[in-house]
N, C-alpha and C. Protein backbone atom coordinates (compact mmCIF):
# COMPACT_ATOMS: atom_id res chain seq x y z
N MET A 1 75.49 111.73 81.04
CA MET A 1 74.77 111.26 82.21
C MET A 1 75.37 109.93 82.68
N ASP A 2 75.47 109.76 83.99
CA ASP A 2 75.96 108.52 84.57
C ASP A 2 75.01 107.39 84.19
N SER A 3 75.57 106.24 83.76
CA SER A 3 74.73 105.14 83.29
C SER A 3 73.85 104.58 84.39
N ALA A 4 74.34 104.56 85.64
CA ALA A 4 73.53 104.06 86.75
C ALA A 4 72.32 104.95 86.98
N VAL A 5 72.51 106.27 86.86
CA VAL A 5 71.41 107.22 87.04
C VAL A 5 70.40 107.05 85.89
N GLU A 6 70.91 106.89 84.67
CA GLU A 6 70.02 106.69 83.52
C GLU A 6 69.21 105.41 83.68
N PHE A 7 69.90 104.34 84.09
CA PHE A 7 69.23 103.05 84.28
C PHE A 7 68.13 103.18 85.34
N GLN A 8 68.45 103.83 86.45
CA GLN A 8 67.48 104.00 87.52
C GLN A 8 66.24 104.77 87.04
N GLY A 9 66.47 105.82 86.26
CA GLY A 9 65.36 106.60 85.73
C GLY A 9 64.46 105.78 84.82
N LEU A 10 65.08 104.97 83.95
CA LEU A 10 64.30 104.12 83.04
C LEU A 10 63.52 103.06 83.82
N VAL A 11 64.16 102.49 84.83
CA VAL A 11 63.50 101.45 85.64
C VAL A 11 62.30 102.02 86.38
N LEU A 12 62.48 103.20 86.96
CA LEU A 12 61.37 103.80 87.72
C LEU A 12 60.15 104.02 86.84
N GLY A 13 60.36 104.33 85.58
CA GLY A 13 59.24 104.53 84.67
C GLY A 13 58.53 103.24 84.29
N GLN A 14 59.16 102.10 84.52
CA GLN A 14 58.59 100.80 84.11
C GLN A 14 58.43 99.83 85.27
N LEU A 15 58.61 100.28 86.49
CA LEU A 15 58.68 99.37 87.63
C LEU A 15 57.43 98.52 87.80
N ASP A 16 56.24 99.11 87.66
CA ASP A 16 55.01 98.34 87.80
C ASP A 16 54.93 97.24 86.75
N SER A 17 55.29 97.58 85.52
CA SER A 17 55.24 96.59 84.43
C SER A 17 56.24 95.46 84.67
N LEU A 18 57.43 95.81 85.13
CA LEU A 18 58.45 94.80 85.39
C LEU A 18 58.01 93.87 86.52
N TYR A 19 57.44 94.45 87.56
CA TYR A 19 56.95 93.63 88.67
C TYR A 19 55.80 92.72 88.21
N ASN A 20 54.86 93.27 87.43
CA ASN A 20 53.72 92.48 86.96
C ASN A 20 54.17 91.29 86.13
N TYR A 21 55.19 91.50 85.27
CA TYR A 21 55.67 90.39 84.45
C TYR A 21 56.37 89.34 85.31
N ALA A 22 57.13 89.79 86.29
CA ALA A 22 57.77 88.84 87.23
C ALA A 22 56.71 88.04 87.98
N LEU A 23 55.60 88.70 88.32
CA LEU A 23 54.51 88.02 89.02
C LEU A 23 53.80 87.02 88.12
N VAL A 24 53.66 87.35 86.84
CA VAL A 24 53.06 86.41 85.89
C VAL A 24 53.89 85.13 85.83
N LEU A 25 55.21 85.26 85.85
CA LEU A 25 56.09 84.09 85.76
C LEU A 25 56.13 83.31 87.07
N THR A 26 56.26 83.99 88.20
CA THR A 26 56.46 83.30 89.48
C THR A 26 55.16 82.94 90.18
N ARG A 27 54.12 83.76 89.99
CA ARG A 27 52.79 83.56 90.57
C ARG A 27 52.73 83.81 92.07
N ARG A 28 53.80 84.29 92.66
CA ARG A 28 53.81 84.63 94.10
C ARG A 28 54.51 85.96 94.28
N SER A 29 53.91 86.84 95.08
CA SER A 29 54.45 88.20 95.19
C SER A 29 55.86 88.23 95.76
N GLU A 30 56.14 87.41 96.80
CA GLU A 30 57.49 87.46 97.38
C GLU A 30 58.53 86.92 96.39
N ASP A 31 58.16 85.91 95.59
CA ASP A 31 59.09 85.39 94.58
C ASP A 31 59.29 86.39 93.45
N ALA A 32 58.21 87.11 93.11
CA ALA A 32 58.32 88.15 92.07
C ALA A 32 59.27 89.25 92.53
N GLU A 33 59.19 89.62 93.80
CA GLU A 33 60.09 90.65 94.33
C GLU A 33 61.54 90.18 94.31
N ASP A 34 61.77 88.92 94.72
CA ASP A 34 63.13 88.36 94.70
C ASP A 34 63.67 88.32 93.27
N LEU A 35 62.85 87.85 92.35
CA LEU A 35 63.26 87.77 90.95
C LEU A 35 63.59 89.16 90.42
N LEU A 36 62.73 90.13 90.73
CA LEU A 36 62.95 91.48 90.23
C LEU A 36 64.24 92.09 90.79
N GLN A 37 64.55 91.80 92.03
CA GLN A 37 65.80 92.33 92.61
C GLN A 37 67.01 91.79 91.85
N GLU A 38 67.00 90.48 91.58
CA GLU A 38 68.10 89.89 90.82
C GLU A 38 68.17 90.47 89.42
N VAL A 39 67.01 90.68 88.81
CA VAL A 39 66.94 91.24 87.46
C VAL A 39 67.52 92.65 87.42
N LEU A 40 67.21 93.46 88.41
CA LEU A 40 67.71 94.84 88.43
C LEU A 40 69.23 94.87 88.54
N VAL A 41 69.79 93.95 89.31
CA VAL A 41 71.25 93.86 89.42
C VAL A 41 71.84 93.47 88.06
N ARG A 42 71.24 92.45 87.43
CA ARG A 42 71.72 92.01 86.11
C ARG A 42 71.56 93.12 85.07
N GLY A 43 70.43 93.79 85.12
CA GLY A 43 70.18 94.86 84.16
C GLY A 43 71.20 95.97 84.26
N LEU A 44 71.49 96.38 85.49
CA LEU A 44 72.48 97.44 85.70
C LEU A 44 73.86 96.99 85.21
N GLN A 45 74.22 95.73 85.51
CA GLN A 45 75.53 95.22 85.10
C GLN A 45 75.68 95.16 83.58
N SER A 46 74.58 94.89 82.87
CA SER A 46 74.68 94.76 81.41
C SER A 46 74.10 95.97 80.67
N PHE A 47 73.84 97.08 81.40
CA PHE A 47 73.22 98.25 80.79
C PHE A 47 74.08 98.84 79.68
N ALA A 48 75.38 98.68 79.77
CA ALA A 48 76.28 99.20 78.72
C ALA A 48 76.01 98.53 77.38
N THR A 49 75.44 97.33 77.39
CA THR A 49 75.17 96.61 76.14
C THR A 49 73.77 96.89 75.60
N TYR A 50 72.96 97.68 76.34
CA TYR A 50 71.59 97.96 75.92
C TYR A 50 71.57 98.76 74.62
N ASP A 51 70.86 98.23 73.62
CA ASP A 51 70.72 98.88 72.32
C ASP A 51 69.56 99.88 72.39
N ARG A 52 69.87 101.17 72.32
CA ARG A 52 68.86 102.22 72.49
C ARG A 52 67.78 102.19 71.40
N SER A 53 67.99 101.44 70.32
CA SER A 53 66.95 101.36 69.29
C SER A 53 65.84 100.39 69.70
N LEU A 54 66.08 99.62 70.77
CA LEU A 54 65.08 98.67 71.27
C LEU A 54 64.31 99.29 72.43
N SER A 55 63.12 98.77 72.67
CA SER A 55 62.32 99.20 73.81
C SER A 55 63.01 98.77 75.10
N PHE A 56 63.13 99.70 76.05
CA PHE A 56 63.76 99.36 77.34
C PHE A 56 62.93 98.31 78.07
N LYS A 57 61.59 98.47 78.02
CA LYS A 57 60.72 97.50 78.70
C LYS A 57 60.91 96.10 78.11
N GLY A 58 60.94 96.00 76.78
CA GLY A 58 61.17 94.70 76.14
C GLY A 58 62.52 94.11 76.51
N TRP A 59 63.54 94.97 76.57
CA TRP A 59 64.89 94.51 76.93
C TRP A 59 64.89 93.96 78.36
N MET A 60 64.23 94.68 79.26
CA MET A 60 64.17 94.23 80.66
C MET A 60 63.33 92.97 80.79
N PHE A 61 62.25 92.85 80.01
CA PHE A 61 61.44 91.64 80.06
C PHE A 61 62.26 90.42 79.63
N THR A 62 63.14 90.62 78.66
CA THR A 62 64.01 89.52 78.24
C THR A 62 64.93 89.10 79.38
N ILE A 63 65.46 90.07 80.12
CA ILE A 63 66.31 89.75 81.26
C ILE A 63 65.49 89.02 82.34
N ILE A 64 64.25 89.48 82.56
CA ILE A 64 63.40 88.81 83.55
C ILE A 64 63.18 87.35 83.15
N LYS A 65 62.84 87.13 81.88
CA LYS A 65 62.58 85.76 81.41
C LYS A 65 63.83 84.89 81.55
N ASN A 66 64.99 85.41 81.12
CA ASN A 66 66.23 84.63 81.21
C ASN A 66 66.62 84.34 82.66
N THR A 67 66.43 85.30 83.53
CA THR A 67 66.74 85.11 84.95
C THR A 67 65.80 84.07 85.55
N TYR A 68 64.55 84.14 85.19
CA TYR A 68 63.56 83.16 85.66
C TYR A 68 63.96 81.75 85.22
N ILE A 69 64.38 81.60 83.95
CA ILE A 69 64.81 80.29 83.44
C ILE A 69 66.05 79.81 84.19
N ASP A 70 67.01 80.72 84.44
CA ASP A 70 68.21 80.35 85.20
C ASP A 70 67.85 79.86 86.60
N ARG A 71 66.90 80.55 87.24
CA ARG A 71 66.46 80.13 88.58
C ARG A 71 65.81 78.75 88.52
N PHE A 72 65.02 78.50 87.49
CA PHE A 72 64.38 77.20 87.32
C PHE A 72 65.43 76.10 87.20
N ARG A 73 66.45 76.36 86.41
CA ARG A 73 67.52 75.36 86.23
C ARG A 73 68.27 75.12 87.53
N ARG A 74 68.51 76.19 88.28
CA ARG A 74 69.18 76.03 89.57
C ARG A 74 68.33 75.21 90.53
N GLN A 75 67.03 75.46 90.54
CA GLN A 75 66.11 74.74 91.43
C GLN A 75 66.07 73.25 91.08
N ARG A 76 66.19 72.92 89.80
CA ARG A 76 66.15 71.51 89.39
C ARG A 76 67.37 70.75 89.91
N ARG A 77 68.46 71.48 90.15
CA ARG A 77 69.65 70.84 90.70
C ARG A 77 69.54 70.64 92.20
N LEU A 78 68.53 71.27 92.82
CA LEU A 78 68.33 71.16 94.27
C LEU A 78 66.95 70.56 94.53
N PRO A 79 66.79 69.25 94.35
CA PRO A 79 65.45 68.66 94.40
C PRO A 79 64.75 68.75 95.75
N GLN A 80 65.50 68.94 96.85
CA GLN A 80 64.84 69.03 98.16
C GLN A 80 64.08 70.33 98.31
N GLU A 81 64.50 71.36 97.60
CA GLU A 81 63.87 72.65 97.76
C GLU A 81 62.66 72.78 96.84
N GLU A 82 61.64 73.44 97.35
CA GLU A 82 60.44 73.68 96.56
C GLU A 82 60.75 74.77 95.53
N PRO A 83 60.28 74.61 94.28
CA PRO A 83 60.52 75.66 93.28
C PRO A 83 59.93 76.99 93.73
N LEU A 84 60.55 78.06 93.29
CA LEU A 84 60.10 79.40 93.69
C LEU A 84 58.69 79.69 93.24
N TRP A 85 58.27 79.08 92.13
CA TRP A 85 56.98 79.43 91.56
C TRP A 85 55.93 78.37 91.84
N ALA A 86 56.09 77.60 92.93
CA ALA A 86 55.09 76.58 93.27
C ALA A 86 53.74 77.25 93.48
N THR A 87 52.69 76.58 93.05
CA THR A 87 51.36 77.22 93.11
C THR A 87 50.72 77.09 94.48
N ARG A 88 51.29 76.29 95.37
CA ARG A 88 50.71 76.16 96.70
C ARG A 88 50.83 77.50 97.42
N GLY A 89 49.72 77.94 97.99
CA GLY A 89 49.74 79.20 98.73
C GLY A 89 49.93 80.41 97.84
N VAL A 90 49.40 80.37 96.60
CA VAL A 90 49.55 81.51 95.69
C VAL A 90 48.83 82.71 96.26
N GLU A 91 49.49 83.83 96.28
CA GLU A 91 48.88 85.06 96.75
C GLU A 91 48.21 85.78 95.60
N GLU A 92 47.10 86.40 95.88
CA GLU A 92 46.45 87.22 94.88
C GLU A 92 47.23 88.53 94.76
N PRO A 93 47.58 88.96 93.55
CA PRO A 93 48.26 90.23 93.43
C PRO A 93 47.33 91.38 93.80
N VAL A 94 47.87 92.37 94.45
CA VAL A 94 47.08 93.51 94.87
C VAL A 94 47.10 94.56 93.77
N LEU A 95 45.91 94.98 93.35
CA LEU A 95 45.84 96.02 92.32
C LEU A 95 46.03 97.38 92.98
N SER A 96 46.87 98.18 92.40
CA SER A 96 47.01 99.55 92.88
C SER A 96 46.49 100.48 91.80
N LEU A 97 46.20 101.70 92.18
CA LEU A 97 45.71 102.66 91.20
C LEU A 97 46.79 103.04 90.20
N ASP A 98 48.05 102.70 90.51
CA ASP A 98 49.15 102.97 89.59
C ASP A 98 49.27 101.89 88.53
N ASN A 99 48.49 100.81 88.67
CA ASN A 99 48.55 99.71 87.73
C ASN A 99 48.23 100.22 86.33
N PRO A 100 48.98 99.78 85.30
CA PRO A 100 48.73 100.28 83.95
C PRO A 100 47.34 99.94 83.43
N LEU A 101 46.68 98.92 84.02
CA LEU A 101 45.33 98.59 83.58
C LEU A 101 44.29 99.55 84.16
N CYS A 102 44.68 100.30 85.16
CA CYS A 102 43.69 101.04 85.93
C CYS A 102 43.91 102.55 85.80
N SER A 103 43.01 103.21 85.07
CA SER A 103 43.05 104.67 85.06
C SER A 103 41.94 105.13 86.00
N VAL A 104 42.15 106.23 86.68
CA VAL A 104 41.24 106.61 87.75
C VAL A 104 40.06 107.41 87.21
N PRO A 105 38.84 106.85 87.25
CA PRO A 105 37.67 107.63 86.84
C PRO A 105 37.31 108.64 87.93
N LEU A 106 36.41 109.56 87.60
CA LEU A 106 36.07 110.60 88.55
C LEU A 106 35.11 110.12 89.62
N ALA A 107 34.08 109.36 89.23
CA ALA A 107 33.05 108.95 90.18
C ALA A 107 33.48 107.71 90.97
N PRO A 108 33.24 107.69 92.29
CA PRO A 108 33.61 106.51 93.08
C PRO A 108 32.93 105.23 92.61
N GLU A 109 31.64 105.35 92.14
CA GLU A 109 30.93 104.17 91.65
C GLU A 109 31.64 103.60 90.42
N ASP A 110 32.10 104.49 89.53
CA ASP A 110 32.83 104.04 88.33
C ASP A 110 34.13 103.36 88.73
N LEU A 111 34.79 103.93 89.74
CA LEU A 111 36.05 103.36 90.20
C LEU A 111 35.84 101.94 90.73
N LEU A 112 34.77 101.75 91.51
CA LEU A 112 34.48 100.43 92.06
C LEU A 112 34.19 99.43 90.94
N LEU A 113 33.36 99.82 89.98
CA LEU A 113 33.04 98.92 88.87
C LEU A 113 34.29 98.61 88.05
N ARG A 114 35.13 99.62 87.82
CA ARG A 114 36.36 99.43 87.04
C ARG A 114 37.29 98.45 87.75
N ARG A 115 37.43 98.62 89.06
CA ARG A 115 38.33 97.73 89.82
C ARG A 115 37.82 96.30 89.80
N GLU A 116 36.49 96.13 89.90
CA GLU A 116 35.92 94.78 89.85
C GLU A 116 36.18 94.15 88.48
N ALA A 117 36.02 94.94 87.41
CA ALA A 117 36.26 94.42 86.06
C ALA A 117 37.73 94.04 85.89
N ILE A 118 38.63 94.87 86.40
CA ILE A 118 40.06 94.59 86.29
C ILE A 118 40.41 93.33 87.08
N GLU A 119 39.81 93.18 88.25
CA GLU A 119 40.04 91.97 89.05
C GLU A 119 39.60 90.73 88.28
N GLN A 120 38.46 90.82 87.59
CA GLN A 120 37.98 89.68 86.82
C GLN A 120 38.94 89.34 85.69
N VAL A 121 39.45 90.36 85.00
CA VAL A 121 40.40 90.12 83.90
C VAL A 121 41.68 89.51 84.45
N ARG A 122 42.19 90.06 85.56
CA ARG A 122 43.41 89.53 86.17
C ARG A 122 43.22 88.07 86.58
N GLU A 123 42.07 87.77 87.20
CA GLU A 123 41.78 86.40 87.62
C GLU A 123 41.70 85.48 86.41
N ALA A 124 41.07 85.94 85.34
CA ALA A 124 40.97 85.13 84.13
C ALA A 124 42.35 84.88 83.51
N ILE A 125 43.20 85.90 83.50
CA ILE A 125 44.56 85.74 82.96
C ILE A 125 45.34 84.73 83.80
N ARG A 126 45.16 84.78 85.13
CA ARG A 126 45.85 83.82 86.00
C ARG A 126 45.45 82.38 85.73
N ARG A 127 44.26 82.17 85.19
CA ARG A 127 43.78 80.82 84.91
C ARG A 127 44.28 80.26 83.58
N LEU A 128 44.87 81.09 82.76
CA LEU A 128 45.36 80.61 81.47
C LEU A 128 46.58 79.69 81.65
N PRO A 129 46.80 78.76 80.73
CA PRO A 129 48.05 77.98 80.76
C PRO A 129 49.26 78.91 80.67
N ASP A 130 50.38 78.50 81.26
CA ASP A 130 51.56 79.36 81.40
C ASP A 130 51.95 80.08 80.11
N GLU A 131 52.09 79.33 79.01
CA GLU A 131 52.60 79.93 77.77
C GLU A 131 51.64 80.99 77.23
N MET A 132 50.35 80.70 77.31
CA MET A 132 49.35 81.67 76.82
C MET A 132 49.25 82.86 77.76
N ARG A 133 49.31 82.60 79.07
CA ARG A 133 49.22 83.67 80.06
C ARG A 133 50.32 84.69 79.85
N GLU A 134 51.51 84.20 79.60
CA GLU A 134 52.66 85.09 79.42
C GLU A 134 52.48 85.98 78.19
N VAL A 135 52.05 85.39 77.08
CA VAL A 135 51.91 86.16 75.84
C VAL A 135 50.76 87.16 75.95
N VAL A 136 49.64 86.76 76.55
CA VAL A 136 48.51 87.69 76.73
C VAL A 136 48.93 88.86 77.61
N GLU A 137 49.66 88.58 78.69
CA GLU A 137 50.14 89.64 79.57
C GLU A 137 51.05 90.61 78.82
N LEU A 138 51.99 90.08 78.06
CA LEU A 138 52.96 90.94 77.35
C LEU A 138 52.29 91.78 76.27
N ARG A 139 51.31 91.22 75.58
CA ARG A 139 50.67 91.95 74.48
C ARG A 139 49.54 92.85 74.97
N ASP A 140 48.58 92.27 75.69
CA ASP A 140 47.35 93.00 76.01
C ASP A 140 47.44 93.85 77.26
N VAL A 141 48.35 93.50 78.17
CA VAL A 141 48.50 94.32 79.38
C VAL A 141 49.68 95.27 79.22
N GLU A 142 50.82 94.74 78.76
CA GLU A 142 52.03 95.55 78.68
C GLU A 142 52.20 96.25 77.33
N GLY A 143 51.45 95.83 76.32
CA GLY A 143 51.45 96.53 75.04
C GLY A 143 52.68 96.31 74.17
N LEU A 144 53.41 95.21 74.38
CA LEU A 144 54.58 94.94 73.55
C LEU A 144 54.15 94.52 72.15
N ALA A 145 54.97 94.86 71.17
CA ALA A 145 54.74 94.44 69.79
C ALA A 145 55.06 92.96 69.65
N TYR A 146 54.52 92.32 68.61
CA TYR A 146 54.76 90.89 68.39
C TYR A 146 56.26 90.58 68.33
N ARG A 147 56.99 91.43 67.63
CA ARG A 147 58.44 91.19 67.48
C ARG A 147 59.14 91.24 68.83
N GLU A 148 58.74 92.19 69.69
CA GLU A 148 59.34 92.29 71.03
C GLU A 148 59.01 91.06 71.87
N ILE A 149 57.76 90.61 71.78
CA ILE A 149 57.36 89.42 72.54
C ILE A 149 58.15 88.21 72.07
N ALA A 150 58.30 88.09 70.75
CA ALA A 150 59.08 86.97 70.20
C ALA A 150 60.50 86.98 70.74
N ARG A 151 61.08 88.18 70.87
CA ARG A 151 62.44 88.29 71.41
C ARG A 151 62.47 87.91 72.89
N VAL A 152 61.45 88.34 73.65
CA VAL A 152 61.42 88.06 75.08
C VAL A 152 61.29 86.56 75.34
N ILE A 153 60.36 85.90 74.64
CA ILE A 153 60.12 84.48 74.93
C ILE A 153 60.95 83.56 74.04
N ASN A 154 61.74 84.16 73.13
CA ASN A 154 62.64 83.40 72.26
C ASN A 154 61.90 82.37 71.40
N ARG A 155 60.82 82.86 70.75
CA ARG A 155 60.01 82.04 69.86
C ARG A 155 59.69 82.83 68.60
N PRO A 156 59.37 82.16 67.49
CA PRO A 156 59.01 82.89 66.26
C PRO A 156 57.73 83.70 66.44
N ILE A 157 57.56 84.73 65.62
CA ILE A 157 56.38 85.58 65.69
C ILE A 157 55.11 84.77 65.48
N GLY A 158 55.15 83.78 64.60
CA GLY A 158 53.99 82.92 64.36
C GLY A 158 53.53 82.21 65.63
N THR A 159 54.48 81.77 66.43
CA THR A 159 54.15 81.12 67.71
C THR A 159 53.50 82.12 68.65
N VAL A 160 54.04 83.35 68.67
CA VAL A 160 53.46 84.40 69.51
C VAL A 160 52.01 84.64 69.11
N MET A 161 51.76 84.78 67.81
CA MET A 161 50.41 85.07 67.33
C MET A 161 49.45 83.91 67.63
N SER A 162 49.94 82.69 67.47
CA SER A 162 49.10 81.52 67.74
C SER A 162 48.74 81.44 69.22
N ARG A 163 49.74 81.63 70.09
CA ARG A 163 49.47 81.58 71.54
C ARG A 163 48.54 82.71 71.96
N LEU A 164 48.73 83.87 71.36
CA LEU A 164 47.88 85.01 71.70
C LEU A 164 46.44 84.74 71.28
N TYR A 165 46.25 84.21 70.08
CA TYR A 165 44.92 83.92 69.57
C TYR A 165 44.21 82.91 70.48
N ARG A 166 44.91 81.82 70.81
CA ARG A 166 44.31 80.79 71.67
C ARG A 166 44.10 81.33 73.08
N GLY A 167 45.07 82.12 73.57
CA GLY A 167 44.94 82.69 74.91
C GLY A 167 43.77 83.64 75.03
N ARG A 168 43.56 84.48 74.01
CA ARG A 168 42.43 85.42 74.04
C ARG A 168 41.10 84.67 74.01
N ASN A 169 41.03 83.60 73.21
CA ASN A 169 39.79 82.82 73.16
C ASN A 169 39.50 82.17 74.52
N LEU A 170 40.53 81.60 75.14
CA LEU A 170 40.35 81.01 76.47
C LEU A 170 40.00 82.09 77.50
N LEU A 171 40.60 83.26 77.34
CA LEU A 171 40.33 84.37 78.26
C LEU A 171 38.87 84.78 78.19
N ARG A 172 38.32 84.87 76.97
CA ARG A 172 36.90 85.21 76.82
C ARG A 172 36.02 84.18 77.53
N THR A 173 36.33 82.91 77.31
CA THR A 173 35.56 81.84 77.95
C THR A 173 35.63 81.94 79.47
N CYS A 174 36.83 82.18 79.96
CA CYS A 174 37.04 82.28 81.40
C CYS A 174 36.29 83.48 81.98
N LEU A 175 36.28 84.60 81.27
CA LEU A 175 35.57 85.79 81.75
C LEU A 175 34.07 85.54 81.82
N VAL A 176 33.53 84.82 80.83
CA VAL A 176 32.10 84.48 80.84
C VAL A 176 31.80 83.61 82.06
N GLU A 177 32.66 82.62 82.32
CA GLU A 177 32.46 81.74 83.49
C GLU A 177 32.53 82.53 84.80
N LEU A 178 33.51 83.44 84.89
CA LEU A 178 33.63 84.25 86.10
C LEU A 178 32.40 85.15 86.29
N ARG A 179 31.91 85.71 85.19
CA ARG A 179 30.73 86.58 85.26
C ARG A 179 29.52 85.78 85.74
N ARG A 180 29.37 84.55 85.22
CA ARG A 180 28.24 83.71 85.64
C ARG A 180 28.34 83.36 87.12
N ALA A 181 29.56 83.14 87.59
CA ALA A 181 29.76 82.78 88.99
C ALA A 181 29.42 83.95 89.91
N VAL A 182 29.61 85.18 89.43
CA VAL A 182 29.39 86.37 90.26
C VAL A 182 27.94 86.82 90.20
N GLU A 183 27.31 86.73 89.02
CA GLU A 183 25.95 87.23 88.86
C GLU A 183 24.97 86.32 89.58
N PRO A 184 23.97 86.91 90.27
CA PRO A 184 22.96 86.08 90.94
C PRO A 184 22.06 85.43 89.89
N PRO A 185 21.53 84.22 90.20
CA PRO A 185 20.63 83.58 89.24
C PRO A 185 19.34 84.39 89.10
N PRO A 186 18.69 84.34 87.94
CA PRO A 186 17.45 85.12 87.77
C PRO A 186 16.37 84.61 88.72
N ARG A 187 15.60 85.55 89.26
CA ARG A 187 14.52 85.19 90.17
C ARG A 187 13.36 84.60 89.40
N ALA A 188 12.55 83.80 90.07
CA ALA A 188 11.41 83.14 89.42
C ALA A 188 10.45 84.17 88.85
N ALA A 189 10.24 85.28 89.58
CA ALA A 189 9.32 86.33 89.10
C ALA A 189 9.82 86.93 87.80
N ASP A 190 11.16 87.12 87.67
CA ASP A 190 11.73 87.67 86.45
C ASP A 190 11.50 86.72 85.28
N GLN A 191 11.69 85.42 85.52
CA GLN A 191 11.51 84.44 84.45
C GLN A 191 10.05 84.37 84.01
N THR A 192 9.12 84.49 84.99
CA THR A 192 7.70 84.46 84.66
C THR A 192 7.31 85.65 83.81
N SER A 193 7.84 86.85 84.19
CA SER A 193 7.51 88.05 83.41
C SER A 193 8.08 88.00 82.02
N LYS A 194 9.31 87.40 81.87
CA LYS A 194 9.91 87.26 80.54
C LYS A 194 9.07 86.32 79.69
N ALA A 195 8.63 85.22 80.29
CA ALA A 195 7.78 84.26 79.55
C ALA A 195 6.47 84.92 79.16
N HIS A 196 5.92 85.74 80.05
CA HIS A 196 4.67 86.45 79.77
C HIS A 196 4.85 87.42 78.62
N ASP A 197 6.02 88.11 78.59
CA ASP A 197 6.31 89.07 77.51
C ASP A 197 6.37 88.40 76.15
N ARG A 198 6.86 87.15 76.14
CA ARG A 198 7.00 86.46 74.86
C ARG A 198 5.65 86.04 74.28
N LEU A 199 4.61 85.93 75.16
CA LEU A 199 3.28 85.49 74.69
C LEU A 199 2.55 86.53 73.94
């Protein structure tokens, strides 16, 4: 099989995941698209060196991370230009039904509730500090093993586990805060009836 055709087939199977990881790093959809385009060119050029015993997704995530770092270094040499991942004007990523977090339930009501829950999780992940956000995304959303994550972010497995543990704890806290912000406060009548029940 032609290597370009093989590469294209593998990429198509992971495109949503690759885009989501680029978005986690850049935080803006247009920058994620630009980064992903550069990554696909690099991936195709170095596909001959791809070790088939490794996960293709993990291998591509490593290329995404390295390309992102290269872009950061280039931007630092051009101080007049705003970095690609500046948080000003951050766009909310659009969830599609093809998103790996979203499986399609049968009932429309279930679909609506599921999408709202996924939006809350995505929003909570976006609020995490960069290092924790990246590890939580790679492990809990993309399903990479600790060893693969360590290879992608170029850190020891212990660091991955520590960041994941702290990131998950912060994520829980953030989800509770988001839930409180969305839920209406209890009505006075409800509080009176609860107090009456306790008597």
